[in-house]
Amino acid sequence: TGTQSCGNGSLSGNIYTAGTGINGISEDCTVTAKFAVSPPPPPTGLTATPASQTQINLSWNASSGATSYDVYKDGVFLNNTTSTSYSSTGLSCNTSYSYTVKAKNAGGTSGSSNTASATSDQCTPGTPTIGTATAASQTSMTITWTRISPFTESGFRIFPSVGFGAGEAGAGATSGSISNLTCGTSYQFRVQAHVDTNGRRYYSGNSGNTAVVSTDPCTPAAPSNFTATPASQTQINLAWRDNSTNESGFLVYLDALGDPTTADANTTSHQVGVSCNSGPWTFRVQAYACGNSRCYYSSWSNNASATSDPCTSAPTVTTTTPVTSITQTTATGGGNIISNGGATVTVSGCVWSTTLNPTTANSKTTNGWAIGGPWPCYMTGLTASTLYHVRAYATNSVGTSYGSDVSFTTAAIPAPTVTISASPTSVAYNGSSTLTWSSTNATSCTASNCFKNLYSHLYRTGRKFCSS
């Protein structure tokens, strides 16, 4: 479209053909042409892609002749752009939106593009309320929590207070586990909910921390340098090196028996009762650590064997018979130790009493031999004309043994003997004579006067007597 100032030319489309005009073809002419502009076609290939909880990105193909584009959201003009893409921001999470685009130029505005719809990313779930932490093993814990609205979570993450790593739980869960923890270590835990949407993850805030809880104790190190040594007839002493710092105690096993005996934590020795002269007994020991109602056991120590000391018994002793050198107050007995019973005899001798089977609680000697015999024992302080019982005895660490009971009677006290003499032996009438007497075994003596009558008959006016 345009104007022409001369000639009779013609305009067809964009082609101007000059005419001969009034003054012929040689006449100068000025032609002003203004070409017509048509509106661009509608854009094609519009797509809408969620980019976040508050943004959707748009993209379309360029329209021929377009100089800009108008973007519409849910039928309402949103913005104009010269680009073939646009980011719709300030949206609400988890909300569906529809978009169209129109192309523009000087000739006008195209029709609408195809409609593209998209939903913004899901809303962030509510922050959980923390519950409890419970040890499940040496390296894992179970954590509980309460879900909080909005309940949009895809799952939960559990974080320890120390170290790295996290546990996972699915949507709707109110408990979960975390592993790869360190044994015997105290932890606190927190929980986050998360939602996974369009390839992105959004986390809630952190819950509070649980109370401090420890994982199960570490398995203790095995004891080493284990030894077994006989200590007596009935005891074997065990010893080992404690290579652990966290054991609750030790288990001592005797291979011949089923159940172990226990030893306290931090000990390095133990005593085991056995019978005399028995064995060899074979032992082994292991450490154990308990916590959270579970126990963990070390590997075994080396084996160690020992035999208890030989058995011992009370000595075997006999009483020497017969008793000799018996007087009114003394006698000689004796004994013979046939066997010391496997233990040293500490004292031996004879015991005596007026009752059967005397013991060391009665009168005794202590100068017997430790082994062998016969050896004498000298009994003193006896009473004349008395029946006595005597036994040899011997004592070792096991006890006291006695020989057979032997009886004897001490000697009696003899009647006193007296020698008497008179001087002169013949006297005249009304004469006198001196009597003299003596005794070797009397304690006292008395005498009475005697006379001879006229008829040469002897009468005693009393009697001589000697008391014992």
Protein backbone atom coordinates (compact mmCIF):
# COMPACT_ATOMS: atom_id res chain seq x y z
CA THR A 1 0.00 0.00 0.00
CA GLY A 2 1.29 3.48 -0.69
CA THR A 3 1.03 6.51 -2.96
CA GLN A 4 2.42 7.52 -6.30
CA SER A 5 3.03 11.12 -7.38
CA CYS A 6 3.27 10.64 -11.07
CA GLY A 7 2.76 8.35 -13.93
CA ASN A 8 0.14 5.84 -14.39
CA GLY A 9 2.07 2.89 -13.06
CA SER A 10 0.47 0.18 -11.03
CA LEU A 11 1.29 -1.64 -7.70
CA SER A 12 0.68 -5.31 -7.42
CA GLY A 13 1.78 -6.83 -4.13
CA ASN A 14 5.30 -5.72 -3.60
CA ILE A 15 5.88 -5.01 -7.35
CA TYR A 16 5.44 -1.46 -8.74
CA THR A 17 5.17 -1.16 -12.52
CA ALA A 18 5.76 2.31 -13.99
CA GLY A 19 3.33 3.60 -16.61
CA THR A 20 3.88 5.96 -19.59
CA GLY A 21 2.35 8.78 -17.68
CA ILE A 22 1.25 12.08 -19.17
CA ASN A 23 4.61 13.25 -20.33
CA GLY A 24 5.91 9.97 -21.48
CA ILE A 25 8.17 7.49 -20.01
CA SER A 26 10.99 9.90 -19.49
CA GLU A 27 9.11 11.83 -16.81
CA ASP A 28 10.60 11.60 -13.31
CA CYS A 29 8.36 9.94 -10.72
CA THR A 30 8.51 9.42 -6.96
CA VAL A 31 6.85 6.26 -5.59
CA THR A 32 6.33 5.75 -1.84
CA ALA A 33 5.54 2.15 -0.91
CA LYS A 34 4.22 0.96 2.50
CA PHE A 35 4.12 -2.81 2.65
CA ALA A 36 1.29 -4.49 4.67
CA VAL A 37 2.34 -6.60 7.93
CA SER A 38 0.27 -9.65 8.95
CA PRO A 39 -0.06 -10.88 12.63
CA PRO A 40 2.25 -13.85 13.46
CA PRO A 41 0.92 -17.39 13.74
CA PRO A 42 0.23 -18.86 17.22
CA PRO A 43 3.27 -20.35 18.99
CA THR A 44 3.59 -24.12 19.01
CA GLY A 45 5.15 -26.74 21.27
CA LEU A 46 4.35 -25.02 24.56
CA THR A 47 5.53 -27.07 27.56
CA ALA A 48 5.23 -26.45 31.30
CA THR A 49 7.76 -28.02 33.68
CA PRO A 50 7.73 -27.66 37.50
CA ALA A 51 11.04 -26.26 38.76
CA SER A 52 10.32 -25.96 42.47
CA GLN A 53 7.52 -25.64 44.97
CA THR A 54 6.94 -22.08 43.74
CA GLN A 55 8.08 -22.09 40.10
CA ILE A 56 7.05 -23.62 36.77
CA ASN A 57 9.20 -23.13 33.68
CA LEU A 58 7.57 -22.59 30.23
CA SER A 59 9.10 -23.14 26.80
CA TRP A 60 7.71 -22.89 23.23
CA ASN A 61 8.70 -22.72 19.59
CA ALA A 62 9.24 -19.28 18.03
CA SER A 63 6.45 -17.88 15.82
CA SER A 64 7.45 -16.45 12.41
CA GLY A 65 7.41 -12.67 12.46
CA ALA A 66 6.74 -12.45 16.16
CA THR A 67 8.48 -9.71 18.10
CA SER A 68 7.25 -10.71 21.58
CA TYR A 69 4.96 -13.09 23.39
CA ASP A 70 2.20 -12.72 25.92
CA VAL A 71 2.06 -15.40 28.63
CA TYR A 72 -1.22 -16.36 30.28
CA LYS A 73 -1.72 -18.36 33.50
CA ASP A 74 -5.08 -19.95 34.00
CA GLY A 75 -6.44 -17.62 31.29
CA VAL A 76 -5.14 -14.47 32.95
CA PHE A 77 -2.38 -12.39 31.38
CA LEU A 78 0.81 -12.93 33.28
CA ASN A 79 3.61 -11.16 31.45
CA ASN A 80 5.15 -10.29 28.08
CA THR A 81 8.54 -11.53 27.01
CA THR A 82 10.69 -11.46 23.92
CA SER A 83 12.12 -14.89 24.81
CA THR A 84 10.68 -18.27 23.92
CA SER A 85 10.82 -19.34 27.58
CA TYR A 86 9.46 -17.99 30.79
CA SER A 87 9.61 -18.85 34.53
CA SER A 88 6.34 -18.55 36.37
CA THR A 89 7.22 -17.82 40.01
CA GLY A 90 5.47 -17.09 43.28
CA LEU A 91 3.34 -20.19 42.98
CA SER A 92 1.83 -22.33 45.71
CA CYS A 93 3.29 -25.76 46.40
CA ASN A 94 1.52 -28.83 45.07
CA THR A 95 -0.83 -26.73 42.88
CA SER A 96 -1.77 -27.33 39.22
CA TYR A 97 -1.50 -24.43 36.76
CA SER A 98 -2.42 -24.08 33.03
CA TYR A 99 -0.56 -21.83 30.61
CA THR A 100 -1.00 -20.46 27.05
CA VAL A 101 1.15 -18.10 24.97
CA LYS A 102 0.30 -15.64 22.19
CA ALA A 103 2.75 -14.21 19.62
CA LYS A 104 2.78 -10.49 18.81
CA ASN A 105 4.16 -8.12 16.14
CA ALA A 106 3.23 -4.82 14.52
CA GLY A 107 0.55 -6.56 12.59
CA GLY A 108 -1.22 -7.76 15.72
CA THR A 109 -1.49 -10.69 18.13
CA SER A 110 -1.74 -14.33 17.22
CA GLY A 111 -4.18 -16.79 18.59
CA SER A 112 -3.35 -18.88 21.68
CA SER A 113 -0.81 -21.63 21.67
CA ASN A 114 -1.61 -25.06 22.89
CA THR A 115 -2.37 -25.28 26.62
CA ALA A 116 0.37 -26.69 28.87
CA SER A 117 -0.33 -27.68 32.47
CA ALA A 118 1.98 -28.56 35.36
CA THR A 119 1.81 -29.01 39.12
CA SER A 120 4.34 -27.31 41.35
CA ASP A 121 6.50 -29.46 43.64
CA GLN A 122 4.88 -31.10 46.68
CA CYS A 123 4.68 -29.14 49.91
CA THR A 124 7.30 -29.71 52.66
CA PRO A 125 6.03 -32.14 55.35
CA GLY A 126 5.64 -31.12 58.98
CA THR A 127 8.57 -31.43 61.40
CA PRO A 128 8.28 -34.70 63.39
CA THR A 129 8.14 -34.77 67.18
CA ILE A 130 10.96 -36.97 68.48
CA GLY A 131 10.25 -40.02 70.61
CA THR A 132 12.74 -42.53 71.97
CA ALA A 133 15.95 -44.24 70.92
CA THR A 134 16.55 -47.90 71.79
CA ALA A 135 19.74 -49.86 71.16
CA ALA A 136 19.13 -52.79 68.82
CA SER A 137 22.68 -54.12 68.52
CA GLN A 138 26.29 -53.05 68.71
CA THR A 139 25.88 -50.91 65.60
CA SER A 140 22.20 -50.02 65.28
CA MET A 141 19.42 -48.14 67.06
CA THR A 142 15.65 -47.97 66.70
CA ILE A 143 14.15 -44.46 66.83
CA THR A 144 10.48 -43.49 67.25
CA TRP A 145 8.68 -40.23 66.43
CA THR A 146 5.27 -38.68 65.82
CA ARG A 147 4.24 -37.42 62.37
CA ILE A 148 3.12 -33.81 62.09
CA SER A 149 0.86 -32.25 59.41
CA PRO A 150 1.09 -31.78 56.53
CA PHE A 151 1.50 -35.50 56.03
CA THR A 152 3.12 -35.16 52.63
CA GLU A 153 6.33 -36.99 53.41
CA SER A 154 7.90 -39.53 51.13
CA GLY A 155 9.95 -40.77 54.06
CA PHE A 156 12.10 -39.86 57.02
CA ARG A 157 15.81 -39.52 57.71
CA ILE A 158 17.40 -40.29 61.07
CA PHE A 159 20.60 -38.47 61.99
CA PRO A 160 23.04 -39.30 64.82
CA SER A 161 24.51 -36.64 67.06
CA VAL A 162 28.05 -37.82 66.29
CA GLY A 163 29.58 -39.38 63.22
CA PHE A 164 28.15 -39.63 59.75
CA GLY A 165 25.40 -41.52 58.01
CA ALA A 166 21.65 -41.55 58.35
CA GLY A 167 18.84 -44.04 58.67
CA GLU A 168 15.80 -44.10 56.41
CA ALA A 169 12.12 -44.88 56.94
CA GLY A 170 9.25 -44.81 54.47
CA ALA A 171 6.17 -42.64 54.19
CA GLY A 172 3.79 -42.91 57.13
CA ALA A 173 6.41 -44.50 59.39
CA THR A 174 6.64 -43.65 63.08
CA SER A 175 9.83 -45.59 63.75
CA GLY A 176 12.99 -46.50 61.94
CA SER A 177 16.49 -47.85 62.33
CA ILE A 178 19.93 -46.40 61.87
CA SER A 179 22.96 -48.62 61.43
CA ASN A 180 26.71 -48.37 60.95
CA LEU A 181 27.05 -46.90 64.44
CA THR A 182 30.00 -47.55 66.75
CA CYS A 183 29.67 -50.14 69.51
CA GLY A 184 29.71 -48.96 73.09
CA THR A 185 29.11 -45.34 72.09
CA SER A 186 26.56 -42.83 73.39
CA TYR A 187 24.31 -41.11 70.86
CA GLN A 188 21.40 -38.74 70.50
CA PHE A 189 19.24 -38.73 67.38
CA ARG A 190 17.02 -36.33 65.47
CA VAL A 191 14.56 -36.95 62.64
CA GLN A 192 13.60 -35.04 59.49
CA ALA A 193 10.67 -35.76 57.22
CA HIS A 194 11.26 -35.32 53.50
CA VAL A 195 9.23 -35.31 50.33
CA ASP A 196 10.59 -36.41 46.96
CA THR A 197 8.96 -34.68 44.03
CA ASN A 198 9.99 -34.14 40.42
CA GLY A 199 13.52 -35.29 41.17
CA ARG A 200 13.94 -32.93 44.11
CA ARG A 201 13.84 -33.50 47.87
CA TYR A 202 12.50 -31.09 50.47
CA TYR A 203 13.24 -31.54 54.18
CA SER A 204 11.21 -30.56 57.17
CA GLY A 205 12.87 -28.92 60.13
CA ASN A 206 14.84 -31.05 62.58
CA SER A 207 13.02 -32.69 65.42
CA GLY A 208 14.44 -32.36 68.90
CA ASN A 209 17.07 -34.82 70.11
CA THR A 210 16.37 -38.10 71.86
CA ALA A 211 17.78 -38.85 75.27
CA VAL A 212 21.35 -40.14 75.31
CA VAL A 213 21.45 -43.87 74.58
CA SER A 214 24.44 -46.19 74.13
CA THR A 215 24.80 -48.92 71.57
CA ASP A 216 25.51 -52.43 72.83
CA PRO A 217 29.03 -52.90 74.24
CA CYS A 218 31.89 -53.83 71.99
CA THR A 219 32.98 -57.47 71.98
CA PRO A 220 35.84 -57.71 74.49
CA ALA A 221 39.30 -58.85 73.49
CA ALA A 222 40.18 -62.44 74.33
CA PRO A 223 42.34 -63.12 77.41
CA SER A 224 45.87 -64.40 76.75
CA ASN A 225 48.79 -66.03 78.58
CA PHE A 226 46.37 -68.38 80.33
CA THR A 227 47.98 -70.75 82.87
CA ALA A 228 46.79 -73.46 85.29
CA THR A 229 48.84 -74.33 88.40
CA PRO A 230 48.04 -76.89 91.14
CA ALA A 231 47.79 -75.11 94.49
CA SER A 232 46.84 -78.03 96.75
CA GLN A 233 45.11 -81.37 96.74
CA THR A 234 41.76 -79.71 96.05
CA GLN A 235 42.57 -76.45 94.27
CA ILE A 236 44.00 -75.37 90.93
CA ASN A 237 44.92 -71.71 90.42
CA LEU A 238 44.20 -70.11 87.05
CA ALA A 239 45.75 -66.86 85.78
CA TRP A 240 45.51 -64.84 82.56
CA ARG A 241 46.20 -61.45 80.99
CA ASP A 242 43.18 -59.16 80.70
CA ASN A 243 43.33 -57.59 77.24
CA SER A 244 39.97 -55.83 77.41
CA THR A 245 38.81 -52.62 79.07
CA ASN A 246 35.07 -53.15 78.91
CA GLU A 247 34.36 -56.72 80.02
CA SER A 248 31.54 -57.47 82.43
CA GLY A 249 33.40 -60.56 83.62
CA PHE A 250 35.00 -63.81 82.55
CA LEU A 251 33.73 -67.34 81.97
CA VAL A 252 36.06 -70.14 83.05
CA TYR A 253 35.39 -73.49 81.42
CA LEU A 254 36.57 -76.87 82.61
CA ASP A 255 36.31 -79.18 79.61
CA ALA A 256 35.06 -82.10 81.65
CA LEU A 257 32.11 -80.07 82.97
CA GLY A 258 29.19 -78.37 81.26
CA ASP A 259 28.52 -75.03 82.87
CA PRO A 260 31.31 -72.47 83.31
CA THR A 261 32.18 -70.63 86.48
CA THR A 262 32.38 -66.85 86.46
CA ALA A 263 35.08 -64.39 87.48
CA ASP A 264 34.60 -60.68 88.09
CA ALA A 265 35.56 -57.97 85.62
CA ASN A 266 39.16 -56.74 85.75
CA THR A 267 40.35 -59.89 87.52
CA THR A 268 43.26 -61.93 86.23
CA SER A 269 43.00 -65.05 88.39
CA HIS A 270 40.52 -67.64 89.58
CA GLN A 271 40.57 -70.72 91.82
CA VAL A 272 38.85 -73.97 90.90
CA GLY A 273 38.06 -76.73 93.39
CA VAL A 274 38.84 -80.30 92.30
CA SER A 275 39.45 -83.65 93.96
CA CYS A 276 42.91 -84.70 95.12
CA ASN A 277 45.27 -86.48 92.75
CA SER A 278 42.91 -85.82 89.83
CA GLY A 279 43.49 -84.59 86.32
CA PRO A 280 44.98 -83.43 84.19
CA TRP A 281 42.17 -80.87 84.05
CA THR A 282 42.03 -78.65 80.96
CA PHE A 283 40.72 -75.11 81.27
CA ARG A 284 40.06 -72.12 79.02
CA VAL A 285 38.65 -68.66 79.65
CA GLN A 286 36.78 -66.00 77.68
CA ALA A 287 35.69 -62.44 78.45
CA TYR A 288 32.14 -61.22 78.04
CA ALA A 289 30.49 -57.79 77.97
CA CYS A 290 26.77 -57.26 78.58
CA GLY A 291 24.51 -54.30 77.96
CA ASN A 292 20.94 -53.60 76.90
CA SER A 293 20.00 -57.18 77.91
CA ARG A 294 22.50 -58.69 75.46
CA CYS A 295 25.95 -60.18 75.99
CA TYR A 296 28.91 -60.44 73.63
CA TYR A 297 31.70 -62.98 74.07
CA SER A 298 35.35 -62.84 73.16
CA SER A 299 37.11 -65.69 71.45
CA TRP A 300 38.72 -68.34 73.66
CA SER A 301 42.06 -68.03 75.38
CA ASN A 302 44.64 -70.74 74.95
CA ASN A 303 44.00 -74.00 76.82
CA ALA A 304 45.86 -74.74 80.07
CA SER A 305 46.04 -78.04 82.00
CA ALA A 306 47.01 -79.06 85.54
CA THR A 307 46.76 -82.05 87.90
CA SER A 308 45.89 -81.57 91.56
CA ASP A 309 48.32 -82.57 94.32
CA PRO A 310 48.33 -86.21 95.50
CA CYS A 311 45.76 -87.20 98.08
CA THR A 312 46.74 -87.30 101.78
CA SER A 313 45.19 -88.96 104.83
CA ALA A 314 45.73 -89.09 108.55
CA PRO A 315 48.84 -91.07 109.55
CA THR A 316 48.79 -94.81 110.20
CA VAL A 317 50.16 -95.56 113.66
CA THR A 318 50.46 -98.64 115.94
CA THR A 319 50.91 -98.87 119.70
CA THR A 320 53.93 -100.76 121.00
CA THR A 321 52.97 -103.71 123.24
CA PRO A 322 53.47 -104.62 125.96
CA VAL A 323 53.98 -101.65 128.25
CA THR A 324 57.25 -102.06 130.11
CA SER A 325 59.08 -100.70 133.13
CA ILE A 326 55.87 -100.44 135.10
CA THR A 327 56.23 -98.98 138.58
CA GLN A 328 53.80 -97.50 141.00
CA THR A 329 54.03 -94.07 139.20
CA THR A 330 55.75 -94.61 135.85
CA ALA A 331 55.63 -96.86 132.80
CA THR A 332 57.15 -97.00 129.33
CA GLY A 333 55.02 -97.35 126.21
CA GLY A 334 55.77 -96.63 122.55
CA GLY A 335 54.51 -96.36 119.02
CA ASN A 336 55.38 -96.88 115.37
CA ILE A 337 54.24 -94.60 112.47
CA ILE A 338 53.77 -96.91 109.52
CA SER A 339 52.64 -94.13 107.11
CA ASN A 340 52.50 -90.35 107.35
CA GLY A 341 49.45 -90.28 105.03
CA GLY A 342 51.27 -88.25 102.39
CA ALA A 343 51.70 -85.24 104.68
CA THR A 344 54.33 -84.39 107.26
CA VAL A 345 53.60 -85.60 110.79
CA THR A 346 53.72 -82.52 113.00
CA VAL A 347 53.48 -84.23 116.41
CA SER A 348 53.31 -87.78 117.79
CA GLY A 349 53.59 -89.60 121.10
CA CYS A 350 51.42 -91.54 123.56
CA VAL A 351 48.18 -90.66 125.30
CA TRP A 352 46.95 -92.39 128.46
CA SER A 353 44.00 -92.36 130.77
CA THR A 354 42.11 -94.58 133.18
CA THR A 355 39.32 -94.80 130.57
CA LEU A 356 39.27 -96.77 127.34
CA ASN A 357 40.67 -95.18 124.15
CA PRO A 358 42.32 -92.04 125.48
CA THR A 359 42.83 -89.03 123.19
CA THR A 360 45.12 -86.00 123.01
CA ALA A 361 42.71 -84.30 125.40
CA ASN A 362 44.13 -86.64 128.09
CA SER A 363 47.69 -86.94 129.39
CA LYS A 364 50.20 -87.24 126.56
CA THR A 365 53.77 -87.08 125.38
CA THR A 366 54.87 -85.21 122.25
CA ASN A 367 58.29 -86.63 121.51
CA GLY A 368 57.38 -89.34 119.02
CA TRP A 369 58.95 -89.68 115.58
CA ALA A 370 57.69 -88.19 112.30
CA ILE A 371 57.84 -91.56 110.58
CA GLY A 372 58.88 -95.09 111.49
CA GLY A 373 59.59 -96.57 114.92
CA PRO A 374 59.24 -98.02 117.38
CA TRP A 375 59.94 -95.03 119.56
CA PRO A 376 59.42 -94.91 123.36
CA CYS A 377 57.15 -92.70 125.36
CA TYR A 378 57.60 -92.31 129.07
CA MET A 379 54.48 -92.04 131.18
CA THR A 380 54.82 -90.37 134.56
CA GLY A 381 52.58 -89.20 137.37
CA LEU A 382 50.73 -92.51 137.56
CA THR A 383 48.90 -93.85 140.59
CA ALA A 384 49.88 -97.20 142.12
CA SER A 385 47.62 -100.20 141.73
CA THR A 386 45.62 -98.44 138.95
CA LEU A 387 44.45 -99.74 135.56
CA TYR A 388 45.55 -97.47 132.68
CA HIS A 389 44.89 -97.39 128.93
CA VAL A 390 47.53 -96.11 126.51
CA ARG A 391 47.53 -95.45 122.75
CA ALA A 392 50.18 -94.12 120.37
CA TYR A 393 49.07 -91.16 118.21
CA ALA A 394 50.33 -89.08 115.26
CA THR A 395 48.99 -85.85 113.72
CA ASN A 396 49.41 -84.38 110.19
CA SER A 397 47.53 -81.73 108.19
CA VAL A 398 44.64 -84.11 107.63
CA GLY A 399 44.06 -85.10 111.24
CA THR A 400 45.11 -87.32 114.16
CA SER A 401 45.23 -91.12 114.15
CA TYR A 402 45.60 -93.50 117.10
CA GLY A 403 47.02 -96.96 117.54
CA SER A 404 45.24 -99.76 119.36
CA ASP A 405 44.31 -99.45 123.03
CA VAL A 406 46.75 -101.20 125.37
CA SER A 407 46.03 -101.52 129.10
CA PHE A 408 48.36 -102.00 132.07
CA THR A 409 48.19 -101.78 135.89
CA THR A 410 50.71 -99.87 137.93
CA ALA A 411 52.58 -101.68 140.74
CA ALA A 412 51.04 -101.98 144.23
CA ILE A 413 52.62 -100.46 147.36
CA PRO A 414 54.12 -103.45 149.43
CA ALA A 415 53.37 -103.99 153.19
CA PRO A 416 56.10 -102.44 155.30
CA THR A 417 58.82 -104.70 156.75
CA VAL A 418 60.25 -104.11 160.26
CA THR A 419 63.39 -105.34 161.95
CA ILE A 420 63.32 -105.33 165.81
CA SER A 421 65.93 -106.24 168.34
CA ALA A 422 66.26 -106.30 172.17
CA SER A 423 69.28 -105.72 174.28
CA PRO A 424 69.73 -107.62 176.38
CA THR A 425 67.62 -110.39 175.08
CA SER A 426 67.36 -111.97 178.58
CA VAL A 427 66.41 -110.07 181.65
CA ALA A 428 66.01 -110.99 185.34
CA TYR A 429 62.95 -110.49 187.32
CA ASN A 430 62.29 -106.85 187.55
CA GLY A 431 65.05 -106.34 185.01
CA SER A 432 64.91 -104.28 181.76
CA SER A 433 65.76 -104.53 178.08
CA THR A 434 65.97 -101.92 175.30
CA LEU A 435 64.01 -102.61 172.12
CA THR A 436 65.24 -101.15 168.76
CA TRP A 437 63.45 -101.38 165.40
CA SER A 438 63.80 -100.10 161.81
CA SER A 439 62.03 -100.28 158.41
CA THR A 440 63.17 -99.49 154.83
CA ASN A 441 59.72 -98.98 153.34
CA ALA A 442 57.57 -97.61 156.13
CA THR A 443 56.50 -94.04 156.47
CA SER A 444 56.01 -94.27 160.25
CA CYS A 445 56.18 -96.87 163.00
CA THR A 446 54.83 -97.33 166.55
CA ALA A 447 55.43 -100.09 169.17
CA SER A 448 53.86 -101.46 172.39
CA ASN A 449 55.38 -102.95 175.54
CA CYS A 450 55.63 -106.74 175.95
CA PHE A 451 56.32 -108.93 179.02
CA LYS A 452 57.05 -112.57 179.77
CA ASN A 453 54.99 -114.09 182.56
CA LEU A 454 56.13 -116.46 185.13
CA TYR A 455 54.98 -119.36 183.12
CA SER A 456 57.17 -118.45 180.12
CA HIS A 457 54.15 -117.61 178.01
CA LEU A 458 54.44 -114.46 175.80
CA TYR A 459 51.56 -112.10 175.81
CA ARG A 460 51.27 -108.83 173.88
CA THR A 461 49.65 -106.02 175.69
CA GLY A 462 49.33 -104.32 172.34
CA ARG A 463 50.64 -104.84 168.85
CA LYS A 464 53.35 -103.25 166.84
CA PHE A 465 52.14 -101.74 163.62
CA CYS A 466 53.58 -99.70 160.78
CA SER A 467 51.39 -97.53 158.68
CA SER A 468 51.96 -97.03 155.01
